[in-house]
N, C-alpha and C. Protein backbone atom coordinates (compact mmCIF):
# COMPACT_ATOMS: atom_id res chain seq x y z
N UNK A 1 0.76 -1.23 -0.03
CA UNK A 1 0.05 -0.03 0.14
C UNK A 1 0.95 1.16 -0.05
N UNK A 2 0.35 2.07 -0.86
CA UNK A 2 1.41 3.36 -0.78
C UNK A 2 1.05 4.26 0.30
N UNK A 3 2.03 5.21 0.39
CA UNK A 3 1.99 6.15 1.71
C UNK A 3 0.84 7.17 1.48
N UNK A 4 0.24 7.61 2.52
CA UNK A 4 -0.83 8.53 2.52
C UNK A 4 -0.25 9.82 2.19
N UNK A 5 -1.04 10.81 1.63
CA UNK A 5 -0.31 12.06 1.24
C UNK A 5 0.17 12.87 2.38
N UNK A 6 -0.61 12.90 3.46
CA UNK A 6 -0.13 13.51 4.76
C UNK A 6 1.27 12.95 5.20
N UNK A 7 1.42 11.59 5.30
CA UNK A 7 2.64 11.02 5.70
C UNK A 7 3.74 11.30 4.79
N UNK A 8 3.54 11.29 3.59
CA UNK A 8 4.60 11.76 2.70
C UNK A 8 5.09 13.07 2.68
N UNK A 9 4.08 13.99 2.86
CA UNK A 9 4.44 15.32 3.21
C UNK A 9 5.11 15.54 4.59
N UNK A 10 4.71 14.96 5.60
CA UNK A 10 5.44 15.04 6.91
C UNK A 10 6.97 14.58 6.64
N UNK A 11 7.01 13.50 6.05
CA UNK A 11 8.47 13.03 5.97
C UNK A 11 9.26 13.91 5.08
N UNK A 12 8.75 14.50 4.07
CA UNK A 12 9.53 15.32 3.15
C UNK A 12 9.85 16.65 4.00
N UNK A 13 8.95 17.21 4.79
CA UNK A 13 9.15 18.43 5.46
C UNK A 13 10.15 18.02 6.74
N UNK A 14 10.14 17.04 7.36
CA UNK A 14 11.18 16.67 8.34
C UNK A 14 12.50 16.48 7.81
N UNK A 15 12.53 16.24 6.48
CA UNK A 15 13.83 16.06 5.83
C UNK A 15 14.29 17.48 5.26
N UNK A 16 13.35 18.49 5.69
CA UNK A 16 13.83 19.95 5.15
C UNK A 16 13.63 20.00 3.57
N UNK A 17 12.77 19.22 2.90
CA UNK A 17 12.63 19.36 1.61
C UNK A 17 11.28 19.92 1.24
N UNK A 18 11.23 20.81 0.22
CA UNK A 18 9.97 21.63 -0.07
C UNK A 18 9.07 20.65 -0.63
N UNK A 19 7.69 20.93 -0.54
CA UNK A 19 6.58 20.14 -1.16
C UNK A 19 6.27 20.93 -2.42
N UNK A 20 5.74 20.09 -3.47
CA UNK A 20 5.28 20.71 -4.68
C UNK A 20 3.81 21.28 -4.18
N UNK A 21 3.31 22.05 -5.02
CA UNK A 21 1.90 22.51 -4.80
C UNK A 21 0.95 21.35 -4.93
N UNK A 22 1.09 20.40 -5.67
CA UNK A 22 0.19 19.19 -5.63
C UNK A 22 0.52 18.40 -4.38
N UNK A 23 1.62 18.16 -3.79
CA UNK A 23 1.89 17.42 -2.72
C UNK A 23 1.17 18.24 -1.48
N UNK A 24 1.36 19.54 -1.43
CA UNK A 24 0.77 20.35 -0.38
C UNK A 24 -0.80 20.28 -0.45
N UNK A 25 -1.36 20.40 -1.52
CA UNK A 25 -2.80 20.18 -1.94
C UNK A 25 -3.27 18.75 -1.45
N UNK A 26 -2.63 17.87 -1.81
CA UNK A 26 -2.97 16.43 -1.44
C UNK A 26 -2.98 16.13 0.08
N UNK A 27 -2.01 16.89 0.74
CA UNK A 27 -1.94 16.67 2.31
C UNK A 27 -3.11 17.43 2.89
N UNK A 28 -3.29 18.67 2.46
CA UNK A 28 -4.25 19.50 2.98
C UNK A 28 -5.59 19.11 2.73
N UNK A 29 -5.95 18.32 1.59
CA UNK A 29 -7.24 17.86 1.16
C UNK A 29 -7.44 16.64 2.25
N UNK A 30 -6.49 15.81 2.76
CA UNK A 30 -6.77 14.80 3.53
C UNK A 30 -6.88 15.40 4.85
N UNK A 31 -6.36 16.42 5.25
CA UNK A 31 -6.78 17.20 6.44
C UNK A 31 -8.25 17.76 6.46
N UNK A 32 -8.53 18.36 5.42
CA UNK A 32 -9.92 19.08 5.30
C UNK A 32 -11.03 18.07 5.22
N UNK A 33 -10.82 16.82 4.73
CA UNK A 33 -11.72 15.75 4.74
C UNK A 33 -11.85 14.86 6.00
N UNK A 34 -11.05 15.46 6.98
CA UNK A 34 -11.08 14.69 8.30
C UNK A 34 -10.39 13.34 8.40
N UNK A 35 -9.53 13.07 7.25
CA UNK A 35 -8.82 11.77 7.19
C UNK A 35 -7.51 11.70 7.77
N UNK A 36 -7.13 12.79 8.34
CA UNK A 36 -5.61 12.95 9.07
C UNK A 36 -5.98 12.94 10.59
N UNK A 37 -5.00 12.17 11.21
CA UNK A 37 -5.14 12.29 12.79
C UNK A 37 -4.79 13.58 13.25
N UNK A 38 -5.22 14.00 14.52
CA UNK A 38 -4.79 15.21 15.15
C UNK A 38 -3.12 15.20 15.18
N UNK A 39 -2.51 14.09 15.48
CA UNK A 39 -1.13 13.98 15.43
C UNK A 39 -0.40 14.24 14.19
N UNK A 40 -1.10 13.81 12.99
CA UNK A 40 -0.57 14.15 11.75
C UNK A 40 -0.79 15.50 11.41
N UNK A 41 -1.96 16.24 11.68
CA UNK A 41 -2.13 17.66 11.39
C UNK A 41 -1.12 18.34 12.19
N UNK A 42 -0.87 18.20 13.49
CA UNK A 42 0.21 18.79 14.23
C UNK A 42 1.60 18.79 13.67
N UNK A 43 1.90 17.54 13.28
CA UNK A 43 3.14 17.44 12.72
C UNK A 43 3.48 18.09 11.41
N UNK A 44 2.41 18.06 10.54
CA UNK A 44 2.50 18.58 9.23
C UNK A 44 2.60 20.15 9.46
N UNK A 45 1.79 20.76 10.29
CA UNK A 45 1.89 22.14 10.44
C UNK A 45 3.19 22.67 11.24
N UNK A 46 3.59 21.94 12.10
CA UNK A 46 4.83 22.09 12.83
C UNK A 46 6.01 21.96 11.81
N UNK A 47 6.21 21.00 11.25
CA UNK A 47 7.27 20.70 10.27
C UNK A 47 7.26 21.71 9.26
N UNK A 48 6.10 22.19 8.63
CA UNK A 48 6.04 23.10 7.55
C UNK A 48 6.51 24.47 8.08
N UNK A 49 6.06 24.82 9.30
CA UNK A 49 6.57 26.13 9.95
C UNK A 49 8.08 26.12 10.27
N UNK A 50 8.64 24.93 10.60
CA UNK A 50 10.04 24.86 11.05
C UNK A 50 10.91 24.96 9.84
N UNK A 51 10.52 24.36 8.74
CA UNK A 51 11.17 24.36 7.48
C UNK A 51 11.06 25.78 6.77
N UNK A 52 9.84 26.36 7.01
CA UNK A 52 9.59 27.66 6.32
C UNK A 52 8.87 27.28 5.21
N UNK A 53 7.67 28.01 5.06
CA UNK A 53 6.62 27.84 3.87
C UNK A 53 7.00 28.37 2.69
N UNK A 54 6.85 27.64 1.44
CA UNK A 54 7.29 28.20 0.22
C UNK A 54 5.90 28.55 -0.50
N UNK A 55 6.00 29.52 -1.57
CA UNK A 55 4.71 29.79 -2.28
C UNK A 55 4.05 28.76 -2.82
N UNK A 56 4.71 27.81 -3.30
CA UNK A 56 4.12 26.41 -3.84
C UNK A 56 3.39 25.66 -2.57
N UNK A 57 3.79 25.60 -1.57
CA UNK A 57 3.16 24.98 -0.37
C UNK A 57 2.07 25.77 0.07
N UNK A 58 2.14 27.04 0.16
CA UNK A 58 0.96 27.80 0.56
C UNK A 58 -0.20 27.72 -0.55
N UNK A 59 0.28 27.79 -1.70
CA UNK A 59 -0.66 27.75 -2.90
C UNK A 59 -1.41 26.48 -2.87
N UNK A 60 -0.68 25.42 -2.66
CA UNK A 60 -1.36 24.04 -2.58
C UNK A 60 -2.37 23.90 -1.49
N UNK A 61 -1.89 24.43 -0.21
CA UNK A 61 -2.80 24.27 0.90
C UNK A 61 -3.95 25.06 0.84
N UNK A 62 -3.86 26.29 0.22
CA UNK A 62 -4.96 27.37 -0.05
C UNK A 62 -5.90 26.71 -1.14
N UNK A 63 -5.50 26.23 -2.04
CA UNK A 63 -6.42 25.56 -3.05
C UNK A 63 -7.33 24.58 -2.44
N UNK A 64 -6.59 23.58 -1.63
CA UNK A 64 -7.41 22.56 -0.90
C UNK A 64 -8.39 23.23 -0.10
N UNK A 65 -7.97 24.13 0.80
CA UNK A 65 -8.97 24.83 1.66
C UNK A 65 -10.06 25.47 0.99
N UNK A 66 -9.87 26.18 0.00
CA UNK A 66 -10.77 26.75 -0.92
C UNK A 66 -11.80 25.86 -1.36
N UNK A 67 -11.40 24.61 -1.90
CA UNK A 67 -12.28 23.64 -2.44
C UNK A 67 -13.26 23.09 -1.31
N UNK A 68 -12.80 23.08 -0.02
CA UNK A 68 -13.65 22.63 1.14
C UNK A 68 -14.39 23.84 1.72
N UNK A 69 -14.17 25.05 1.36
CA UNK A 69 -15.11 25.96 1.88
C UNK A 69 -16.61 25.69 1.51
N UNK A 70 -17.29 26.18 2.61
CA UNK A 70 -18.84 26.25 2.24
C UNK A 70 -19.15 27.48 1.68
N UNK A 71 -19.86 27.62 0.62
CA UNK A 71 -20.35 28.84 0.01
C UNK A 71 -21.64 29.35 0.49
N UNK A 72 -21.67 30.39 1.08
CA UNK A 72 -23.00 30.75 1.81
C UNK A 72 -23.62 31.82 0.73
N UNK A 73 -24.94 31.64 0.52
CA UNK A 73 -25.73 32.45 -0.38
C UNK A 73 -26.88 32.97 0.51
N UNK A 74 -26.79 33.93 1.29
CA UNK A 74 -27.89 34.47 2.03
C UNK A 74 -29.09 34.80 1.33
N UNK A 75 -30.34 34.64 1.63
CA UNK A 75 -31.48 35.04 0.97
C UNK A 75 -31.91 36.35 1.51
N UNK A 76 -31.23 37.25 1.10
CA UNK A 76 -31.72 38.60 1.49
C UNK A 76 -32.23 39.55 0.42
N UNK A 77 -32.46 38.92 -0.67
CA UNK A 77 -33.00 39.76 -1.86
C UNK A 77 -31.91 40.88 -2.34
N UNK A 78 -32.48 41.96 -2.54
CA UNK A 78 -31.48 43.06 -3.16
C UNK A 78 -30.76 43.86 -1.92
N UNK A 79 -30.76 43.46 -0.93
CA UNK A 79 -30.26 44.21 0.53
C UNK A 79 -28.82 43.98 0.32
N UNK A 80 -27.96 45.02 0.80
CA UNK A 80 -26.61 45.01 0.88
C UNK A 80 -26.23 44.08 2.12
N UNK A 81 -25.26 43.26 1.93
CA UNK A 81 -24.66 42.42 3.01
C UNK A 81 -23.10 42.74 3.24
N UNK A 82 -22.67 43.04 4.56
CA UNK A 82 -21.43 43.18 4.83
C UNK A 82 -20.88 42.19 5.65
N UNK A 83 -19.81 41.57 5.24
CA UNK A 83 -19.10 40.33 6.13
C UNK A 83 -18.19 40.95 6.76
N UNK A 84 -18.18 40.69 8.25
CA UNK A 84 -17.28 41.26 9.24
C UNK A 84 -16.76 40.03 10.03
N UNK A 85 -15.43 39.86 9.98
CA UNK A 85 -14.87 38.87 10.75
C UNK A 85 -14.30 39.28 12.14
N UNK A 86 -14.34 38.53 13.01
CA UNK A 86 -14.02 38.93 14.48
C UNK A 86 -12.50 39.41 14.53
N UNK A 87 -12.26 40.39 15.26
CA UNK A 87 -10.89 40.74 15.60
C UNK A 87 -10.50 40.71 17.10
N UNK A 88 -11.38 40.10 17.87
CA UNK A 88 -11.14 40.07 19.22
C UNK A 88 -10.41 38.73 19.68
N UNK A 89 -10.11 37.84 18.88
CA UNK A 89 -9.68 36.64 19.45
C UNK A 89 -8.13 36.54 19.31
N UNK A 90 -7.42 37.66 19.34
CA UNK A 90 -5.95 37.50 19.21
C UNK A 90 -5.25 37.34 20.42
N UNK A 91 -5.87 37.22 21.51
CA UNK A 91 -5.28 36.78 22.84
C UNK A 91 -4.20 37.86 23.35
N UNK A 92 -4.17 39.00 22.85
CA UNK A 92 -3.30 39.96 23.36
C UNK A 92 -4.03 41.22 23.79
N UNK A 93 -5.18 41.12 23.84
CA UNK A 93 -5.95 42.41 24.25
C UNK A 93 -6.30 43.52 23.51
N UNK A 94 -6.11 43.34 22.24
CA UNK A 94 -6.42 44.49 21.44
C UNK A 94 -7.84 44.87 21.39
N UNK A 95 -8.39 46.12 20.98
CA UNK A 95 -9.76 46.39 20.88
C UNK A 95 -10.30 45.75 19.68
N UNK A 96 -11.56 45.16 20.09
CA UNK A 96 -12.32 44.36 19.15
C UNK A 96 -13.15 45.39 18.10
N UNK A 97 -12.45 45.95 17.21
CA UNK A 97 -13.20 46.86 16.37
C UNK A 97 -14.29 46.19 15.44
N UNK A 98 -14.15 45.08 15.21
CA UNK A 98 -15.21 44.43 14.43
C UNK A 98 -16.61 44.47 14.90
N UNK A 99 -16.69 44.32 16.13
CA UNK A 99 -18.06 44.42 16.59
C UNK A 99 -18.75 45.77 16.61
N UNK A 100 -17.68 46.75 16.99
CA UNK A 100 -18.09 48.17 16.87
C UNK A 100 -18.44 48.36 15.38
N UNK A 101 -17.65 48.08 14.43
CA UNK A 101 -17.90 48.26 12.98
C UNK A 101 -19.39 47.64 12.65
N UNK A 102 -19.56 46.54 13.05
CA UNK A 102 -20.91 45.75 12.70
C UNK A 102 -21.90 46.70 13.30
N UNK A 103 -21.97 47.13 14.45
CA UNK A 103 -23.16 48.01 15.11
C UNK A 103 -23.15 49.16 14.28
N UNK A 104 -22.14 49.84 13.88
CA UNK A 104 -22.27 51.07 13.16
C UNK A 104 -22.88 50.86 11.65
N UNK A 105 -22.25 49.78 11.08
CA UNK A 105 -22.97 49.53 9.63
C UNK A 105 -24.43 49.05 9.90
N UNK A 106 -24.75 48.32 10.83
CA UNK A 106 -26.15 47.88 11.10
C UNK A 106 -27.08 49.03 11.47
N UNK A 107 -26.57 49.96 12.07
CA UNK A 107 -27.30 51.19 12.43
C UNK A 107 -27.57 51.99 11.19
N UNK A 108 -26.93 51.79 10.17
CA UNK A 108 -27.25 52.56 8.88
C UNK A 108 -28.17 51.62 7.94
N UNK A 109 -28.61 50.48 8.41
CA UNK A 109 -29.69 49.66 7.65
C UNK A 109 -28.93 48.71 6.83
N UNK A 110 -27.71 48.38 6.94
CA UNK A 110 -26.93 47.37 6.15
C UNK A 110 -26.92 46.09 6.97
N UNK A 111 -27.28 44.95 6.44
CA UNK A 111 -27.31 43.77 7.07
C UNK A 111 -25.67 43.19 7.26
N UNK A 112 -25.53 42.70 8.49
CA UNK A 112 -24.23 42.37 8.68
C UNK A 112 -24.10 40.65 8.95
N UNK A 113 -23.10 40.09 8.40
CA UNK A 113 -22.88 38.73 8.82
C UNK A 113 -21.43 38.76 9.53
N UNK A 114 -21.38 38.54 10.83
CA UNK A 114 -20.27 38.63 11.60
C UNK A 114 -19.79 37.31 12.19
N UNK A 115 -18.63 36.94 11.93
CA UNK A 115 -18.18 35.60 12.41
C UNK A 115 -16.76 35.84 13.01
N UNK A 116 -16.39 34.76 13.78
CA UNK A 116 -14.81 34.80 14.23
C UNK A 116 -14.26 33.64 13.83
N UNK A 117 -13.07 33.35 14.62
CA UNK A 117 -12.09 32.35 14.13
C UNK A 117 -12.24 31.21 14.94
N UNK A 118 -13.35 30.92 15.86
CA UNK A 118 -13.31 29.84 16.77
C UNK A 118 -14.67 29.14 16.53
């Protein structure tokens, strides 16, 4: 049986070898589909960070994540919708401007979709 994409990627990264965009894509696809163990995910991300990410590796991972993204099509008719992502989860105590921005925009009649990173 051949090696799983995540295992192949981890071995290459631990040997300080760059991944191709296709290899990074395959590994991230396995992660996004829930087929990698938490230990494999941690090893992949730590090894990638320790080696240093290349453009091809980021490109491959981004492509896989984009394919897994859920596309949201809100049923709001012709109304304008603003997407505001949370800024308060940085764990360093910075001001959460996104919530304030959401209130200001909503106060002007614009519908707001606010989400965070958790």
